[in-house]
Amino acid sequence: MAYSNFRPLAIFSSYMLLCFSLTVFIIRDLYKSYRSRSKSHTSSKPSSLHIFLFSLLAAASLATTWYYMFQFFAYSYRDWIFAQQLSQQFFLGHEHGSLQLGWWLKDTQLFKEAWGTVVMGARRFWWSGQIFLFASYLGLIFEVKGARGGIPHTWAFMLLGQVVAISFATNLFHLALLLKSITPPAQLENHSRKNVPSSRGKILGPWLPNLLAFVGSASGLLLDEPIFQNPDWFMPLLLLPHLALMLPPLLHAVLPRSWEFADAGVPFAGRIYDLWWSSLCYGGLFKLALMTFRGVTEVGFSGIMAALHEHPAVSSVGWDVIFCWVSWGCWTLIHRGERIANGGNTKETSKME
C-alpha cells in the first residue's frame, strides 16, 4: 500500500469503526435496561409487542439504508474507475482488475459526493430536505424526553443518527424510552418535593444551547435546493445543522453534575421549548408543502417517487425518511392508544409532552 493512500483508508476505516462501535454501545445499553426492567418489581414492564415493533423497525431501517449506502460506495467506485480508464493515466504501473480502494478514496470526497447528489433537483430534494426536519425534531426530543427523562448518552444517539441513519437512531431511542425506569407515583412525588429549586430567578440552562442548536439546525429547513448549488457555501451550510445538533447532548455529557445543568428554576424555559416545537411543526409542514409544490411542478408526483431509486445515495436518504415517518407514526399511535386507555387523563405540561 502506498503511504499516500494510508490516510484516506484510515479515515474511511475509522468512520466504519465509529458506526459499528456506536451501534454496539447503544444496543448494549438497551439490553442492560431490558434486563433491569425485566427483573424490577417496582416499575411497570413495557409491552413486548412494542419492543418487538421498534426492534424490527430499527433492524429494517439499518438494513435498508445501508444496503443502498454500500450500493453508493460501489457506484462511486465504478464511476471513478470509468473516469480513470478514459484518461488511461492511472493504469500505467497498476494492475488491471485489482481493487484500488486507496486511490479511489483519495480522489473522491464521499460525503460531499453523496450529499451533492441527493440535493440536486427538486425531485431529489423532496426526499433529502425532509431529513433535516426529522433530525431537528429528534434533537428536541433528546432534550425533553432524554436528558430530562434520565436516559444517558443522548450524544451517542445523535451521533449515531448523523453517521448511520436518523431513522435507525430514532427507533433505538424509542426503545430507550420504552425501557427507561419508571418511578412509582408515590416515590416520584416525594422525589419532586425534595428537588424543588430554591431559587426561581435562574436564567441559564440547557434551553440556551438548545435554542442555538435549533437556530443552527433550522437552517436546514430554511435552505432551498438552489442554494446548495453554490460551491463556496455547500459544505458550511451542510455541516452547520450537523454540528449544531451535537452541541446540547455533548454539553450534558461533559459538564460535571455539580454544575446542575438543568432548566429547573428557569421560568421561561417551557415557553422556549413550546416555541421550538411549534416552529418545527408549522415550519416543517410549510417546507414540505413548498418542496412538494416545486417537485410536482417540475416532474410530477410520479417523478418524485421515481427519484427514490434513480441513484443509491438518494435511495439511502429516501428510505431513511420513509422509516422516520413509519417510526414516528407508530410512536404516535401507541401513545394515543395509551391516553385513550387511561381515559384521557394524562396530564401534559407542554405542547410536546
Protein backbone atom coordinates (compact mmCIF):
# COMPACT_ATOMS: atom_id res chain seq x y z
CA MET A 1 0.00 0.00 0.00
CA ALA A 2 1.38 3.40 -0.96
CA TYR A 3 1.89 5.70 2.02
CA SER A 4 -0.15 8.43 0.27
CA ASN A 5 -3.18 6.11 0.34
CA PHE A 6 -2.93 5.26 4.02
CA ARG A 7 -4.66 8.41 5.24
CA PRO A 8 -7.89 8.06 3.19
CA LEU A 9 -8.09 4.35 4.04
CA ALA A 10 -7.57 5.13 7.74
CA ILE A 11 -10.29 7.80 7.67
CA PHE A 12 -12.77 5.51 5.95
CA SER A 13 -11.96 2.61 8.28
CA SER A 14 -12.32 4.89 11.30
CA TYR A 15 -15.73 6.00 10.07
CA MET A 16 -16.93 2.42 9.68
CA LEU A 17 -15.50 1.53 13.10
CA LEU A 18 -17.31 4.52 14.63
CA CYS A 19 -20.62 3.38 13.13
CA PHE A 20 -20.13 -0.14 14.46
CA SER A 21 -18.95 1.00 17.90
CA LEU A 22 -21.84 3.40 18.43
CA THR A 23 -24.34 0.72 17.42
CA VAL A 24 -22.85 -1.84 19.81
CA PHE A 25 -22.59 0.74 22.62
CA ILE A 26 -26.26 1.74 22.39
CA ILE A 27 -27.63 -1.78 21.88
CA ARG A 28 -25.59 -3.00 24.86
CA ASP A 29 -27.06 -0.19 26.98
CA LEU A 30 -30.57 -1.04 25.78
CA TYR A 31 -30.03 -4.71 26.65
CA LYS A 32 -28.96 -3.75 30.17
CA SER A 33 -32.10 -1.64 30.54
CA TYR A 34 -34.23 -4.51 29.29
CA ARG A 35 -32.71 -6.92 31.80
CA SER A 36 -33.14 -4.41 34.59
CA ARG A 37 -36.80 -3.74 33.75
CA SER A 38 -37.49 -7.46 33.45
CA LYS A 39 -36.20 -8.08 36.98
CA SER A 40 -37.79 -5.00 38.54
CA HIS A 41 -40.79 -5.37 40.84
CA THR A 42 -41.37 -1.64 41.37
CA SER A 43 -41.90 -0.44 37.81
CA SER A 44 -44.35 -1.46 35.12
CA LYS A 45 -42.97 -3.60 32.33
CA PRO A 46 -43.07 -2.30 28.74
CA SER A 47 -45.17 -4.04 26.14
CA SER A 48 -43.31 -6.91 24.48
CA LEU A 49 -45.15 -6.11 21.26
CA HIS A 50 -43.89 -2.50 21.30
CA ILE A 51 -40.33 -3.63 21.99
CA PHE A 52 -40.54 -6.11 19.12
CA LEU A 53 -42.04 -3.46 16.81
CA PHE A 54 -39.30 -0.88 17.30
CA SER A 55 -36.57 -3.54 17.30
CA LEU A 56 -37.90 -4.71 13.94
CA LEU A 57 -38.08 -1.13 12.63
CA ALA A 58 -34.53 -0.45 13.81
CA ALA A 59 -33.20 -3.57 12.06
CA ALA A 60 -35.18 -2.84 8.89
CA SER A 61 -34.09 0.82 8.74
CA LEU A 62 -30.43 -0.11 9.27
CA ALA A 63 -30.52 -2.90 6.68
CA THR A 64 -32.32 -0.81 4.05
CA THR A 65 -30.41 2.45 4.37
CA TRP A 66 -27.04 0.72 4.49
CA TYR A 67 -27.84 -1.64 1.65
CA TYR A 68 -28.15 1.45 -0.50
CA MET A 69 -25.16 3.05 1.20
CA PHE A 70 -22.95 0.16 0.12
CA GLN A 71 -24.56 0.38 -3.32
CA PHE A 72 -23.48 4.02 -3.37
CA PHE A 73 -19.91 3.08 -2.45
CA ALA A 74 -19.86 0.60 -5.34
CA TYR A 75 -21.45 3.16 -7.69
CA SER A 76 -18.87 5.78 -6.77
CA TYR A 77 -16.00 3.32 -7.23
CA ARG A 78 -17.25 2.20 -10.67
CA ASP A 79 -17.68 5.81 -11.73
CA TRP A 80 -14.13 6.59 -10.60
CA ILE A 81 -12.70 3.54 -12.40
CA PHE A 82 -14.52 4.55 -15.59
CA ALA A 83 -13.02 8.06 -15.38
CA GLN A 84 -9.54 6.58 -14.89
CA GLN A 85 -9.97 4.27 -17.88
CA LEU A 86 -10.88 7.23 -20.03
CA SER A 87 -7.75 9.11 -19.01
CA GLN A 88 -5.55 5.97 -19.37
CA GLN A 89 -3.08 7.58 -16.95
CA PHE A 90 -3.93 5.79 -13.74
CA PHE A 91 -3.35 2.25 -15.02
CA LEU A 92 0.22 2.96 -16.05
CA GLY A 93 2.10 0.86 -13.50
CA HIS A 94 -1.08 -0.55 -11.92
CA GLU A 95 -2.59 -3.97 -12.41
CA HIS A 96 -5.89 -4.04 -14.31
CA GLY A 97 -8.81 -5.63 -12.48
CA SER A 98 -7.36 -5.20 -8.98
CA LEU A 99 -9.19 -3.13 -6.37
CA GLN A 100 -7.67 0.31 -5.92
CA LEU A 101 -9.63 1.44 -2.87
CA GLY A 102 -6.91 3.70 -1.56
CA TRP A 103 -6.64 5.68 -4.79
CA TRP A 104 -10.44 5.87 -5.07
CA LEU A 105 -10.86 7.22 -1.53
CA LYS A 106 -8.01 9.65 -2.08
CA ASP A 107 -9.50 11.08 -5.27
CA THR A 108 -13.13 11.28 -4.11
CA GLN A 109 -14.95 13.02 -1.28
CA LEU A 110 -17.72 10.56 -0.46
CA PHE A 111 -19.61 12.77 2.00
CA LYS A 112 -19.67 15.72 -0.39
CA GLU A 113 -20.38 13.48 -3.37
CA ALA A 114 -23.34 11.80 -1.66
CA TRP A 115 -24.98 14.99 -0.43
CA GLY A 116 -24.24 16.79 -3.67
CA THR A 117 -26.23 14.05 -5.37
CA VAL A 118 -29.23 13.98 -3.04
CA VAL A 119 -29.86 17.76 -3.08
CA MET A 120 -29.65 18.01 -6.88
CA GLY A 121 -33.03 18.90 -8.36
CA ALA A 122 -36.44 19.42 -6.75
CA ARG A 123 -37.43 15.76 -7.10
CA ARG A 124 -34.41 14.58 -5.06
CA PHE A 125 -34.54 17.47 -2.61
CA TRP A 126 -38.10 16.45 -1.76
CA TRP A 127 -36.55 13.41 -0.08
CA SER A 128 -33.32 14.83 1.34
CA GLY A 129 -34.93 18.05 2.60
CA GLN A 130 -37.16 16.10 4.98
CA ILE A 131 -34.22 14.54 6.81
CA PHE A 132 -33.30 17.95 8.24
CA LEU A 133 -36.77 18.15 9.79
CA PHE A 134 -36.54 14.72 11.40
CA ALA A 135 -33.01 15.42 12.69
CA SER A 136 -34.16 18.69 14.28
CA TYR A 137 -37.20 17.02 15.80
CA LEU A 138 -35.03 14.24 17.22
CA GLY A 139 -32.70 16.82 18.78
CA LEU A 140 -35.64 18.41 20.59
CA ILE A 141 -36.92 15.04 21.82
CA PHE A 142 -33.45 14.18 23.13
CA GLU A 143 -33.62 17.16 25.48
CA VAL A 144 -37.25 16.91 26.59
CA LYS A 145 -37.61 13.12 26.82
CA GLY A 146 -33.99 12.02 27.03
CA ALA A 147 -31.92 14.33 29.19
CA ARG A 148 -34.86 15.15 31.47
CA GLY A 149 -36.11 11.56 31.46
CA GLY A 150 -32.87 10.14 32.76
CA ILE A 151 -31.73 8.48 29.53
CA PRO A 152 -27.92 8.60 29.45
CA HIS A 153 -25.69 9.12 26.44
CA THR A 154 -28.10 11.09 24.25
CA TRP A 155 -24.98 12.30 22.43
CA ALA A 156 -24.44 8.71 21.21
CA PHE A 157 -27.95 8.56 19.71
CA MET A 158 -27.46 11.89 17.91
CA LEU A 159 -24.03 10.94 16.60
CA LEU A 160 -25.40 7.56 15.50
CA GLY A 161 -28.18 9.31 13.60
CA GLN A 162 -25.69 11.51 11.79
CA VAL A 163 -23.16 8.85 10.82
CA VAL A 164 -25.52 5.89 10.28
CA ALA A 165 -29.18 6.90 9.79
CA ILE A 166 -31.63 9.20 11.56
CA SER A 167 -34.37 6.55 11.40
CA PHE A 168 -32.09 3.93 12.98
CA ALA A 169 -31.24 6.26 15.88
CA THR A 170 -34.92 7.21 16.21
CA ASN A 171 -36.07 3.62 16.56
CA LEU A 172 -33.34 2.83 19.07
CA PHE A 173 -34.26 5.93 21.07
CA HIS A 174 -37.90 4.86 21.09
CA LEU A 175 -36.70 1.57 22.57
CA ALA A 176 -34.75 3.52 25.19
CA LEU A 177 -37.91 5.44 26.10
CA LEU A 178 -39.85 2.20 26.42
CA LEU A 179 -37.17 0.60 28.59
CA LYS A 180 -36.32 3.50 30.88
CA SER A 181 -37.10 3.01 34.54
CA ILE A 182 -40.49 4.32 35.63
CA THR A 183 -40.60 5.59 39.21
CA PRO A 184 -43.80 4.71 41.09
CA PRO A 185 -46.10 7.77 41.57
CA ALA A 186 -45.58 7.94 45.34
CA GLN A 187 -41.80 7.90 45.03
CA LEU A 188 -41.93 10.39 42.16
CA GLU A 189 -43.95 12.84 44.25
CA ASN A 190 -41.55 12.60 47.20
CA HIS A 191 -38.57 12.95 44.86
CA SER A 192 -40.02 16.04 43.19
CA ARG A 193 -40.68 17.72 46.55
CA LYS A 194 -37.11 17.17 47.64
CA ASN A 195 -35.77 18.64 44.41
CA VAL A 196 -37.77 21.83 44.10
CA PRO A 197 -35.23 24.51 43.23
CA SER A 198 -34.67 27.04 45.96
CA SER A 199 -34.37 29.92 43.52
CA ARG A 200 -36.80 30.81 40.77
CA GLY A 201 -34.59 33.54 39.35
CA LYS A 202 -32.36 31.21 37.38
CA ILE A 203 -31.69 32.26 33.80
CA LEU A 204 -29.05 29.99 32.28
CA GLY A 205 -29.81 26.36 31.48
CA PRO A 206 -29.91 23.82 28.65
CA TRP A 207 -32.56 25.95 26.92
CA LEU A 208 -29.81 28.30 25.67
CA PRO A 209 -27.59 25.76 23.84
CA ASN A 210 -30.77 24.04 22.68
CA LEU A 211 -32.01 27.33 21.25
CA LEU A 212 -28.67 27.82 19.47
CA ALA A 213 -28.89 24.26 18.17
CA PHE A 214 -32.42 24.93 16.96
CA VAL A 215 -31.31 28.04 15.07
CA GLY A 216 -28.41 26.11 13.52
CA SER A 217 -30.46 23.04 12.62
CA ALA A 218 -33.35 25.17 11.35
CA SER A 219 -31.02 26.44 8.63
CA GLY A 220 -31.54 23.04 7.02
CA LEU A 221 -35.28 23.75 6.88
CA LEU A 222 -34.84 27.27 5.58
CA LEU A 223 -32.34 26.34 2.88
CA ASP A 224 -33.60 25.61 -0.59
CA GLU A 225 -32.17 23.37 -3.26
CA PRO A 226 -30.70 26.17 -5.46
CA ILE A 227 -28.65 27.50 -2.51
CA PHE A 228 -26.73 24.22 -2.33
CA GLN A 229 -25.55 24.74 -5.89
CA ASN A 230 -23.11 27.43 -4.67
CA PRO A 231 -19.81 25.52 -4.23
CA ASP A 232 -18.47 28.05 -1.70
CA TRP A 233 -21.46 27.62 0.63
CA PHE A 234 -22.23 23.95 0.08
CA MET A 235 -20.14 22.34 2.83
CA PRO A 236 -20.61 25.06 5.50
CA LEU A 237 -24.39 25.02 5.02
CA LEU A 238 -24.42 21.24 5.14
CA LEU A 239 -22.22 20.91 8.22
CA LEU A 240 -23.92 23.64 10.28
CA PRO A 241 -27.06 21.61 11.16
CA HIS A 242 -24.96 18.51 11.91
CA LEU A 243 -22.66 20.36 14.31
CA ALA A 244 -25.42 22.42 15.92
CA LEU A 245 -27.47 19.36 16.87
CA MET A 246 -24.46 17.79 18.62
CA LEU A 247 -23.99 20.77 20.96
CA PRO A 248 -26.71 20.15 23.63
CA PRO A 249 -26.12 16.39 24.15
CA LEU A 250 -22.36 16.94 24.29
CA LEU A 251 -22.80 19.59 26.99
CA HIS A 252 -24.89 17.18 29.04
CA ALA A 253 -22.11 14.60 28.64
CA VAL A 254 -19.07 16.73 29.51
CA LEU A 255 -20.34 19.21 32.12
CA PRO A 256 -19.95 17.98 35.72
CA ARG A 257 -23.12 17.23 37.66
CA SER A 258 -22.13 19.77 40.30
CA TRP A 259 -22.92 22.50 37.76
CA GLU A 260 -26.61 21.45 37.88
CA PHE A 261 -27.01 21.99 34.15
CA ALA A 262 -30.81 21.83 34.06
CA ASP A 263 -33.79 24.02 33.21
CA ALA A 264 -35.34 23.64 36.68
CA GLY A 265 -35.99 27.11 38.06
CA VAL A 266 -35.89 28.85 34.66
CA PRO A 267 -39.42 30.33 34.45
CA PHE A 268 -39.48 30.81 30.67
CA ALA A 269 -37.79 27.54 29.60
CA GLY A 270 -41.10 25.79 28.91
CA ARG A 271 -42.18 28.58 26.57
CA ILE A 272 -38.88 28.30 24.70
CA TYR A 273 -39.39 24.59 24.06
CA ASP A 274 -43.03 25.11 23.09
CA LEU A 275 -41.94 27.77 20.61
CA TRP A 276 -39.32 25.40 19.22
CA TRP A 277 -41.89 22.64 18.89
CA SER A 278 -44.45 24.89 17.16
CA SER A 279 -41.79 26.24 14.80
CA LEU A 280 -40.71 22.73 13.83
CA CYS A 281 -44.28 21.55 13.26
CA TYR A 282 -45.60 24.51 11.28
CA GLY A 283 -42.27 25.32 9.61
CA GLY A 284 -41.76 21.69 8.65
CA LEU A 285 -45.24 21.37 7.18
CA PHE A 286 -44.77 24.59 5.22
CA LYS A 287 -41.38 23.40 3.95
CA LEU A 288 -42.81 20.02 2.93
CA ALA A 289 -45.69 21.72 1.11
CA LEU A 290 -43.24 24.02 -0.70
CA MET A 291 -40.95 21.13 -1.71
CA THR A 292 -43.97 19.13 -2.87
CA PHE A 293 -45.25 22.04 -4.97
CA ARG A 294 -41.88 22.55 -6.65
CA GLY A 295 -41.32 18.84 -7.19
CA VAL A 296 -44.78 18.24 -8.64
CA THR A 297 -44.44 21.32 -10.84
CA GLU A 298 -41.09 20.12 -12.16
CA VAL A 299 -41.60 16.38 -12.69
CA GLY A 300 -44.99 15.46 -11.22
CA PHE A 301 -45.58 13.31 -8.16
CA SER A 302 -44.65 10.18 -10.11
CA GLY A 303 -41.29 11.78 -10.88
CA ILE A 304 -40.70 12.40 -7.17
CA MET A 305 -41.45 8.76 -6.40
CA ALA A 306 -39.22 7.61 -9.27
CA ALA A 307 -36.33 9.69 -7.87
CA LEU A 308 -36.24 7.39 -4.83
CA HIS A 309 -34.45 4.69 -6.84
CA GLU A 310 -32.64 6.64 -9.54
CA HIS A 311 -29.41 6.81 -7.52
CA PRO A 312 -28.29 4.74 -4.48
CA ALA A 313 -27.43 7.84 -2.44
CA VAL A 314 -30.96 9.17 -2.94
CA SER A 315 -32.37 5.74 -2.07
CA SER A 316 -30.44 5.63 1.21
CA VAL A 317 -31.66 9.06 2.33
CA GLY A 318 -35.15 8.48 0.92
CA TRP A 319 -35.66 5.24 2.82
CA ASP A 320 -34.26 6.94 5.90
CA VAL A 321 -37.09 9.47 5.56
CA ILE A 322 -39.69 6.72 4.99
CA PHE A 323 -38.65 4.84 8.12
CA CYS A 324 -38.72 8.09 10.11
CA TRP A 325 -42.36 8.59 9.09
CA VAL A 326 -43.19 4.99 9.98
CA SER A 327 -41.39 5.15 13.33
CA TRP A 328 -42.97 8.41 14.48
CA GLY A 329 -46.35 7.26 13.16
CA CYS A 330 -46.16 4.08 15.24
CA TRP A 331 -44.97 6.01 18.30
CA THR A 332 -47.85 8.48 17.99
CA LEU A 333 -50.44 5.72 17.60
CA ILE A 334 -49.08 3.84 20.60
CA HIS A 335 -49.25 6.87 22.88
CA ARG A 336 -52.64 7.90 21.57
CA GLY A 337 -53.88 4.41 22.41
CA GLU A 338 -52.40 4.68 25.90
CA ARG A 339 -54.12 8.01 26.52
CA ILE A 340 -57.45 6.57 25.38
CA ALA A 341 -56.94 3.52 27.61
CA ASN A 342 -56.23 5.84 30.56
CA GLY A 343 -59.42 7.76 29.93
CA GLY A 344 -57.60 10.77 28.51
CA ASN A 345 -56.44 11.87 31.94
CA THR A 346 -52.76 12.10 31.13
CA LYS A 347 -51.60 15.47 32.32
CA GLU A 348 -49.40 17.31 29.88
CA THR A 349 -47.12 20.10 30.92
CA SER A 350 -46.30 21.41 27.47
CA LYS A 351 -47.36 21.07 23.87
CA MET A 352 -44.73 18.41 23.36
CA GLU A 353 -45.30 16.10 26.30
